[in-house]
């Protein structure tokens, strides 16, 4: 079973590409259809993200900040 992605994992991905000089604070965010490649399949499978609704979903220990909580992303597209 695959492990869920964590905020630490997401930060590590972004930090890597920032360190390579590939992305910066002004880099556009796009999303693609599941099972496709932005590089191979191109723009026909991509949508530009225009906004995001990010919510913290409480875990079992609701009163302990940062413990057993999840973060939910809803990406708004064109």
PDB file of N, CA and C in Angstrom:
ATOM      1  N   UNK A   1       0.847  -1.182   0.000  1.00  0.00           N
ATOM      2  CA  UNK A   1       0.000   0.000   0.000  1.00  0.00           C
ATOM      3  C   UNK A   1       0.890   1.243   0.000  1.00  0.00           C
ATOM      4  N   UNK A   2       0.558   2.197  -0.853  1.00  0.00           N
ATOM      5  CA  UNK A   2       1.330   3.432  -0.935  1.00  0.00           C
ATOM      6  C   UNK A   2       1.098   4.290   0.306  1.00  0.00           C
ATOM      7  N   UNK A   3       2.156   4.972   0.723  1.00  0.00           N
ATOM      8  CA  UNK A   3       2.059   5.904   1.844  1.00  0.00           C
ATOM      9  C   UNK A   3       1.451   7.221   1.345  1.00  0.00           C
ATOM     10  N   UNK A   4       0.641   7.867   2.162  1.00  0.00           N
ATOM     11  CA  UNK A   4       0.078   9.151   1.742  1.00  0.00           C
ATOM     12  C   UNK A   4       1.162  10.224   1.659  1.00  0.00           C
ATOM     13  N   UNK A   5       0.968  11.164   0.754  1.00  0.00           N
ATOM     14  CA  UNK A   5       1.878  12.295   0.637  1.00  0.00           C
ATOM     15  C   UNK A   5       1.690  13.201   1.843  1.00  0.00           C
ATOM     16  N   UNK A   6       2.786  13.745   2.348  1.00  0.00           N
ATOM     17  CA  UNK A   6       2.728  14.660   3.478  1.00  0.00           C
ATOM     18  C   UNK A   6       3.105  16.072   3.018  1.00  0.00           C
ATOM     19  N   UNK A   7       2.852  17.050   3.865  1.00  0.00           N
ATOM     20  CA  UNK A   7       3.246  18.424   3.570  1.00  0.00           C
ATOM     21  C   UNK A   7       4.768  18.478   3.408  1.00  0.00           C
ATOM     22  N   UNK A   8       5.492  17.718   4.236  1.00  0.00           N
ATOM     23  CA  UNK A   8       6.947  17.656   4.132  1.00  0.00           C
ATOM     24  C   UNK A   8       7.365  17.170   2.743  1.00  0.00           C
ATOM     25  N   UNK A   9       6.682  16.149   2.229  1.00  0.00           N
ATOM     26  CA  UNK A   9       6.979  15.634   0.882  1.00  0.00           C
ATOM     27  C   UNK A   9       6.754  16.715  -0.172  1.00  0.00           C
ATOM     28  N   UNK A  10       5.640  17.417  -0.068  1.00  0.00           N
ATOM     29  CA  UNK A  10       5.323  18.471  -1.029  1.00  0.00           C
ATOM     30  C   UNK A  10       6.374  19.579  -0.985  1.00  0.00           C
ATOM     31  N   UNK A  11       6.761  19.983   0.222  1.00  0.00           N
ATOM     32  CA  UNK A  11       7.795  21.013   0.370  1.00  0.00           C
ATOM     33  C   UNK A  11       9.119  20.548  -0.233  1.00  0.00           C
ATOM     34  N   UNK A  12       9.450  19.285  -0.039  1.00  0.00           N
ATOM     35  CA  UNK A  12      10.702  18.745  -0.575  1.00  0.00           C
ATOM     36  C   UNK A  12      10.707  18.793  -2.097  1.00  0.00           C
ATOM     37  N   UNK A  13       9.584  18.439  -2.727  1.00  0.00           N
ATOM     38  CA  UNK A  13       9.470  18.514  -4.187  1.00  0.00           C
ATOM     39  C   UNK A  13       9.672  19.944  -4.676  1.00  0.00           C
ATOM     40  N   UNK A  14       8.966  20.885  -4.059  1.00  0.00           N
ATOM     41  CA  UNK A  14       9.072  22.278  -4.472  1.00  0.00           C
ATOM     42  C   UNK A  14      10.472  22.826  -4.230  1.00  0.00           C
ATOM     43  N   UNK A  15      11.065  22.500  -3.087  1.00  0.00           N
ATOM     44  CA  UNK A  15      12.419  22.970  -2.773  1.00  0.00           C
ATOM     45  C   UNK A  15      13.438  22.457  -3.780  1.00  0.00           C
ATOM     46  N   UNK A  16      13.282  21.203  -4.206  1.00  0.00           N
ATOM     47  CA  UNK A  16      14.204  20.643  -5.186  1.00  0.00           C
ATOM     48  C   UNK A  16      14.177  21.457  -6.473  1.00  0.00           C
ATOM     49  N   UNK A  17      12.972  21.702  -7.011  1.00  0.00           N
ATOM     50  CA  UNK A  17      12.867  22.429  -8.277  1.00  0.00           C
ATOM     51  C   UNK A  17      13.261  23.895  -8.132  1.00  0.00           C
ATOM     52  N   UNK A  18      12.993  24.488  -6.968  1.00  0.00           N
ATOM     53  CA  UNK A  18      13.457  25.859  -6.718  1.00  0.00           C
ATOM     54  C   UNK A  18      14.987  25.902  -6.683  1.00  0.00           C
ATOM     55  N   UNK A  19      15.590  24.920  -6.035  1.00  0.00           N
ATOM     56  CA  UNK A  19      17.043  24.844  -5.952  1.00  0.00           C
ATOM     57  C   UNK A  19      17.705  24.661  -7.305  1.00  0.00           C
ATOM     58  N   UNK A  20      17.009  24.011  -8.228  1.00  0.00           N
ATOM     59  CA  UNK A  20      17.520  23.820  -9.588  1.00  0.00           C
ATOM     60  C   UNK A  20      17.343  25.067 -10.447  1.00  0.00           C
ATOM     61  N   UNK A  21      16.599  26.053  -9.905  1.00  0.00           N
ATOM     62  CA  UNK A  21      16.326  27.269 -10.674  1.00  0.00           C
ATOM     63  C   UNK A  21      15.235  27.072 -11.719  1.00  0.00           C
ATOM     64  N   UNK A  22      14.492  25.981 -11.602  1.00  0.00           N
ATOM     65  CA  UNK A  22      13.465  25.642 -12.574  1.00  0.00           C
ATOM     66  C   UNK A  22      12.152  26.366 -12.299  1.00  0.00           C
ATOM     67  N   UNK A  23      11.820  26.564 -11.017  1.00  0.00           N
ATOM     68  CA  UNK A  23      10.590  27.269 -10.638  1.00  0.00           C
ATOM     69  C   UNK A  23      10.929  28.358  -9.626  1.00  0.00           C
ATOM     70  N   UNK A  24       9.994  29.313  -9.480  1.00  0.00           N
ATOM     71  CA  UNK A  24      10.130  30.358  -8.466  1.00  0.00           C
ATOM     72  C   UNK A  24       8.732  30.773  -8.020  1.00  0.00           C
ATOM     73  N   UNK A  25       8.649  31.830  -7.246  1.00  0.00           N
ATOM     74  CA  UNK A  25       7.351  32.268  -6.711  1.00  0.00           C
ATOM     75  C   UNK A  25       6.349  32.663  -7.787  1.00  0.00           C
ATOM     76  N   UNK A  26       6.819  32.973  -8.983  1.00  0.00           N
ATOM     77  CA  UNK A  26       5.930  33.397 -10.061  1.00  0.00           C
ATOM     78  C   UNK A  26       5.589  32.286 -11.052  1.00  0.00           C
ATOM     79  N   UNK A  27       6.003  31.065 -10.767  1.00  0.00           N
ATOM     80  CA  UNK A  27       5.739  29.941 -11.665  1.00  0.00           C
ATOM     81  C   UNK A  27       4.253  29.604 -11.674  1.00  0.00           C
ATOM     82  N   UNK A  28       3.695  29.477 -12.873  1.00  0.00           N
ATOM     83  CA  UNK A  28       2.285  29.140 -13.045  1.00  0.00           C
ATOM     84  C   UNK A  28       2.019  27.703 -12.594  1.00  0.00           C
ATOM     85  N   UNK A  29       0.864  27.493 -11.989  1.00  0.00           N
ATOM     86  CA  UNK A  29       0.453  26.157 -11.549  1.00  0.00           C
ATOM     87  C   UNK A  29      -0.543  25.599 -12.554  1.00  0.00           C
ATOM     88  N   UNK A  30      -0.266  24.396 -13.044  1.00  0.00           N
ATOM     89  CA  UNK A  30      -1.211  23.688 -13.908  1.00  0.00           C
ATOM     90  C   UNK A  30      -1.452  22.311 -13.314  1.00  0.00           C
ATOM     91  N   UNK A  31      -2.566  21.726 -13.656  1.00  0.00           N
ATOM     92  CA  UNK A  31      -2.842  20.355 -13.249  1.00  0.00           C
ATOM     93  C   UNK A  31      -3.152  19.554 -14.507  1.00  0.00           C
ATOM     94  N   UNK A  32      -2.927  18.264 -14.429  1.00  0.00           N
ATOM     95  CA  UNK A  32      -3.183  17.397 -15.572  1.00  0.00           C
ATOM     96  C   UNK A  32      -4.158  16.295 -15.225  1.00  0.00           C
ATOM     97  N   UNK A  33      -4.671  15.668 -16.255  1.00  0.00           N
ATOM     98  CA  UNK A  33      -5.564  14.530 -16.057  1.00  0.00           C
ATOM     99  C   UNK A  33      -4.764  13.356 -15.527  1.00  0.00           C
ATOM    100  N   UNK A  34      -5.370  12.559 -14.698  1.00  0.00           N
ATOM    101  CA  UNK A  34      -4.720  11.377 -14.131  1.00  0.00           C
ATOM    102  C   UNK A  34      -4.262  10.434 -15.241  1.00  0.00           C
ATOM    103  N   UNK A  35      -3.037   9.949 -15.087  1.00  0.00           N
ATOM    104  CA  UNK A  35      -2.506   8.987 -16.045  1.00  0.00           C
ATOM    105  C   UNK A  35      -1.915   9.607 -17.295  1.00  0.00           C
ATOM    106  N   UNK A  36      -1.736  10.928 -17.289  1.00  0.00           N
ATOM    107  CA  UNK A  36      -1.160  11.598 -18.452  1.00  0.00           C
ATOM    108  C   UNK A  36       0.155  12.264 -18.061  1.00  0.00           C
ATOM    109  N   UNK A  37       0.879  12.718 -19.054  1.00  0.00           N
ATOM    110  CA  UNK A  37       2.141  13.415 -18.842  1.00  0.00           C
ATOM    111  C   UNK A  37       2.065  14.795 -19.471  1.00  0.00           C
ATOM    112  N   UNK A  38       2.369  15.818 -18.677  1.00  0.00           N
ATOM    113  CA  UNK A  38       2.361  17.189 -19.212  1.00  0.00           C
ATOM    114  C   UNK A  38       3.376  17.338 -20.332  1.00  0.00           C
ATOM    115  N   UNK A  39       4.516  16.662 -20.219  1.00  0.00           N
ATOM    116  CA  UNK A  39       5.551  16.777 -21.242  1.00  0.00           C
ATOM    117  C   UNK A  39       5.215  15.997 -22.509  1.00  0.00           C
ATOM    118  N   UNK A  40       4.691  14.791 -22.335  1.00  0.00           N
ATOM    119  CA  UNK A  40       4.412  13.934 -23.492  1.00  0.00           C
ATOM    120  C   UNK A  40       3.082  14.298 -24.153  1.00  0.00           C
ATOM    121  N   UNK A  41       2.042  14.475 -23.337  1.00  0.00           N
ATOM    122  CA  UNK A  41       0.696  14.704 -23.876  1.00  0.00           C
ATOM    123  C   UNK A  41       0.388  16.172 -24.163  1.00  0.00           C
ATOM    124  N   UNK A  42       1.129  17.081 -23.538  1.00  0.00           N
ATOM    125  CA  UNK A  42       1.001  18.502 -23.832  1.00  0.00           C
ATOM    126  C   UNK A  42      -0.234  19.184 -23.292  1.00  0.00           C
ATOM    127  N   UNK A  43      -0.509  20.378 -23.799  1.00  0.00           N
ATOM    128  CA  UNK A  43      -1.579  21.228 -23.277  1.00  0.00           C
ATOM    129  C   UNK A  43      -2.979  20.619 -23.311  1.00  0.00           C
ATOM    130  N   UNK A  44      -3.216  19.652 -24.177  1.00  0.00           N
ATOM    131  CA  UNK A  44      -4.574  19.096 -24.276  1.00  0.00           C
ATOM    132  C   UNK A  44      -5.010  18.376 -22.997  1.00  0.00           C
ATOM    133  N   UNK A  45      -4.057  18.005 -22.128  1.00  0.00           N
ATOM    134  CA  UNK A  45      -4.412  17.316 -20.883  1.00  0.00           C
ATOM    135  C   UNK A  45      -4.212  18.217 -19.659  1.00  0.00           C
ATOM    136  N   UNK A  46      -3.925  19.490 -19.888  1.00  0.00           N
ATOM    137  CA  UNK A  46      -3.600  20.404 -18.796  1.00  0.00           C
ATOM    138  C   UNK A  46      -4.677  21.466 -18.608  1.00  0.00           C
ATOM    139  N   UNK A  47      -4.832  21.894 -17.361  1.00  0.00           N
ATOM    140  CA  UNK A  47      -5.700  23.029 -17.043  1.00  0.00           C
ATOM    141  C   UNK A  47      -4.923  23.951 -16.119  1.00  0.00           C
ATOM    142  N   UNK A  48      -5.090  25.255 -16.318  1.00  0.00           N
ATOM    143  CA  UNK A  48      -4.423  26.229 -15.460  1.00  0.00           C
ATOM    144  C   UNK A  48      -5.199  26.354 -14.154  1.00  0.00           C
ATOM    145  N   UNK A  49      -4.476  26.311 -13.053  1.00  0.00           N
ATOM    146  CA  UNK A  49      -5.098  26.523 -11.749  1.00  0.00           C
ATOM    147  C   UNK A  49      -5.281  28.023 -11.547  1.00  0.00           C
ATOM    148  N   UNK A  50      -6.474  28.424 -11.128  1.00  0.00           N
ATOM    149  CA  UNK A  50      -6.754  29.839 -10.915  1.00  0.00           C
ATOM    150  C   UNK A  50      -6.914  30.173  -9.435  1.00  0.00           C
ATOM    151  N   UNK A  51      -7.120  29.152  -8.618  1.00  0.00           N
ATOM    152  CA  UNK A  51      -7.293  29.362  -7.182  1.00  0.00           C
ATOM    153  C   UNK A  51      -7.238  28.010  -6.485  1.00  0.00           C
ATOM    154  N   UNK A  52      -7.186  28.046  -5.183  1.00  0.00           N
ATOM    155  CA  UNK A  52      -7.206  26.802  -4.414  1.00  0.00           C
ATOM    156  C   UNK A  52      -7.958  27.036  -3.111  1.00  0.00           C
ATOM    157  N   UNK A  53      -8.741  26.056  -2.730  1.00  0.00           N
ATOM    158  CA  UNK A  53      -9.398  26.055  -1.432  1.00  0.00           C
ATOM    159  C   UNK A  53      -8.637  25.019  -0.605  1.00  0.00           C
ATOM    160  N   UNK A  54      -7.955  25.469   0.426  1.00  0.00           N
ATOM    161  CA  UNK A  54      -7.131  24.574   1.240  1.00  0.00           C
ATOM    162  C   UNK A  54      -7.723  24.550   2.645  1.00  0.00           C
ATOM    163  N   UNK A  55      -8.059  23.347   3.104  1.00  0.00           N
ATOM    164  CA  UNK A  55      -8.689  23.192   4.411  1.00  0.00           C
ATOM    165  C   UNK A  55      -7.924  22.170   5.245  1.00  0.00           C
ATOM    166  N   UNK A  56      -7.905  22.409   6.552  1.00  0.00           N
ATOM    167  CA  UNK A  56      -7.356  21.428   7.481  1.00  0.00           C
ATOM    168  C   UNK A  56      -8.513  20.564   7.956  1.00  0.00           C
ATOM    169  N   UNK A  57      -8.335  19.257   7.815  1.00  0.00           N
ATOM    170  CA  UNK A  57      -9.351  18.301   8.231  1.00  0.00           C
ATOM    171  C   UNK A  57      -8.892  17.698   9.556  1.00  0.00           C
ATOM    172  N   UNK A  58      -9.622  17.958  10.643  1.00  0.00           N
ATOM    173  CA  UNK A  58      -9.202  17.463  11.949  1.00  0.00           C
ATOM    174  C   UNK A  58      -9.109  15.943  11.993  1.00  0.00           C
ATOM    175  N   UNK A  59      -8.104  15.476  12.711  1.00  0.00           N
ATOM    176  CA  UNK A  59      -7.930  14.043  12.913  1.00  0.00           C
ATOM    177  C   UNK A  59      -8.595  13.608  14.207  1.00  0.00           C
ATOM    178  N   UNK A  60      -8.167  12.464  14.701  1.00  0.00           N
ATOM    179  CA  UNK A  60      -8.761  11.916  15.922  1.00  0.00           C
ATOM    180  C   UNK A  60      -8.577  12.838  17.119  1.00  0.00           C
ATOM    181  N   UNK A  61      -7.376  13.435  17.246  1.00  0.00           N
ATOM    182  CA  UNK A  61      -7.061  14.289  18.387  1.00  0.00           C
ATOM    183  C   UNK A  61      -7.287  15.742  17.982  1.00  0.00           C
ATOM    184  N   UNK A  62      -8.539  16.146  17.935  1.00  0.00           N
ATOM    185  CA  UNK A  62      -8.947  17.447  17.403  1.00  0.00           C
ATOM    186  C   UNK A  62      -8.265  18.627  18.103  1.00  0.00           C
ATOM    187  N   UNK A  63      -7.997  18.525  19.412  1.00  0.00           N
ATOM    188  CA  UNK A  63      -7.469  19.654  20.170  1.00  0.00           C
ATOM    189  C   UNK A  63      -5.957  19.774  20.128  1.00  0.00           C
ATOM    190  N   UNK A  64      -5.269  18.852  19.473  1.00  0.00           N
ATOM    191  CA  UNK A  64      -3.808  18.893  19.398  1.00  0.00           C
ATOM    192  C   UNK A  64      -3.381  19.381  18.017  1.00  0.00           C
ATOM    193  N   UNK A  65      -3.008  20.647  17.883  1.00  0.00           N
ATOM    194  CA  UNK A  65      -2.590  21.178  16.576  1.00  0.00           C
ATOM    195  C   UNK A  65      -1.461  20.361  15.962  1.00  0.00           C
ATOM    196  N   UNK A  66      -1.606  20.083  14.684  1.00  0.00           N
ATOM    197  CA  UNK A  66      -0.558  19.371  13.959  1.00  0.00           C
ATOM    198  C   UNK A  66      -0.537  17.876  14.167  1.00  0.00           C
ATOM    199  N   UNK A  67      -1.446  17.346  14.947  1.00  0.00           N
ATOM    200  CA  UNK A  67      -1.434  15.910  15.223  1.00  0.00           C
ATOM    201  C   UNK A  67      -2.617  15.227  14.563  1.00  0.00           C
ATOM    202  N   UNK A  68      -2.314  14.287  13.728  1.00  0.00           N
ATOM    203  CA  UNK A  68      -3.333  13.456  13.070  1.00  0.00           C
ATOM    204  C   UNK A  68      -4.306  14.241  12.201  1.00  0.00           C
ATOM    205  N   UNK A  69      -3.926  15.439  11.793  1.00  0.00           N
ATOM    206  CA  UNK A  69      -4.777  16.213  10.901  1.00  0.00           C
ATOM    207  C   UNK A  69      -4.339  15.958   9.462  1.00  0.00           C
ATOM    208  N   UNK A  70      -5.220  16.249   8.537  1.00  0.00           N
ATOM    209  CA  UNK A  70      -4.912  16.164   7.108  1.00  0.00           C
ATOM    210  C   UNK A  70      -5.141  17.529   6.493  1.00  0.00           C
ATOM    211  N   UNK A  71      -4.605  17.721   5.300  1.00  0.00           N
ATOM    212  CA  UNK A  71      -4.856  18.963   4.582  1.00  0.00           C
ATOM    213  C   UNK A  71      -5.510  18.594   3.258  1.00  0.00           C
ATOM    214  N   UNK A  72      -6.586  19.290   2.916  1.00  0.00           N
ATOM    215  CA  UNK A  72      -7.346  18.990   1.709  1.00  0.00           C
ATOM    216  C   UNK A  72      -7.205  20.149   0.722  1.00  0.00           C
ATOM    217  N   UNK A  73      -6.841  19.823  -0.511  1.00  0.00           N
ATOM    218  CA  UNK A  73      -6.701  20.816  -1.568  1.00  0.00           C
ATOM    219  C   UNK A  73      -7.832  20.622  -2.571  1.00  0.00           C
ATOM    220  N   UNK A  74      -8.554  21.669  -2.852  1.00  0.00           N
ATOM    221  CA  UNK A  74      -9.471  21.680  -3.991  1.00  0.00           C
ATOM    222  C   UNK A  74      -8.905  22.723  -4.945  1.00  0.00           C
ATOM    223  N   UNK A  75      -8.480  22.280  -6.109  1.00  0.00           N
ATOM    224  CA  UNK A  75      -7.865  23.168  -7.086  1.00  0.00           C
ATOM    225  C   UNK A  75      -8.947  23.682  -8.034  1.00  0.00           C
ATOM    226  N   UNK A  76      -9.033  24.999  -8.161  1.00  0.00           N
ATOM    227  CA  UNK A  76      -9.985  25.634  -9.060  1.00  0.00           C
ATOM    228  C   UNK A  76      -9.265  25.865 -10.391  1.00  0.00           C
ATOM    229  N   UNK A  77      -9.911  25.483 -11.487  1.00  0.00           N
ATOM    230  CA  UNK A  77      -9.300  25.623 -12.819  1.00  0.00           C
ATOM    231  C   UNK A  77     -10.145  26.538 -13.695  1.00  0.00           C
ATOM    232  N   UNK A  78      -9.561  26.887 -14.833  1.00  0.00           N
ATOM    233  CA  UNK A  78     -10.248  27.746 -15.806  1.00  0.00           C
ATOM    234  C   UNK A  78     -11.571  27.142 -16.215  1.00  0.00           C
TER     235      UNK A  78
END
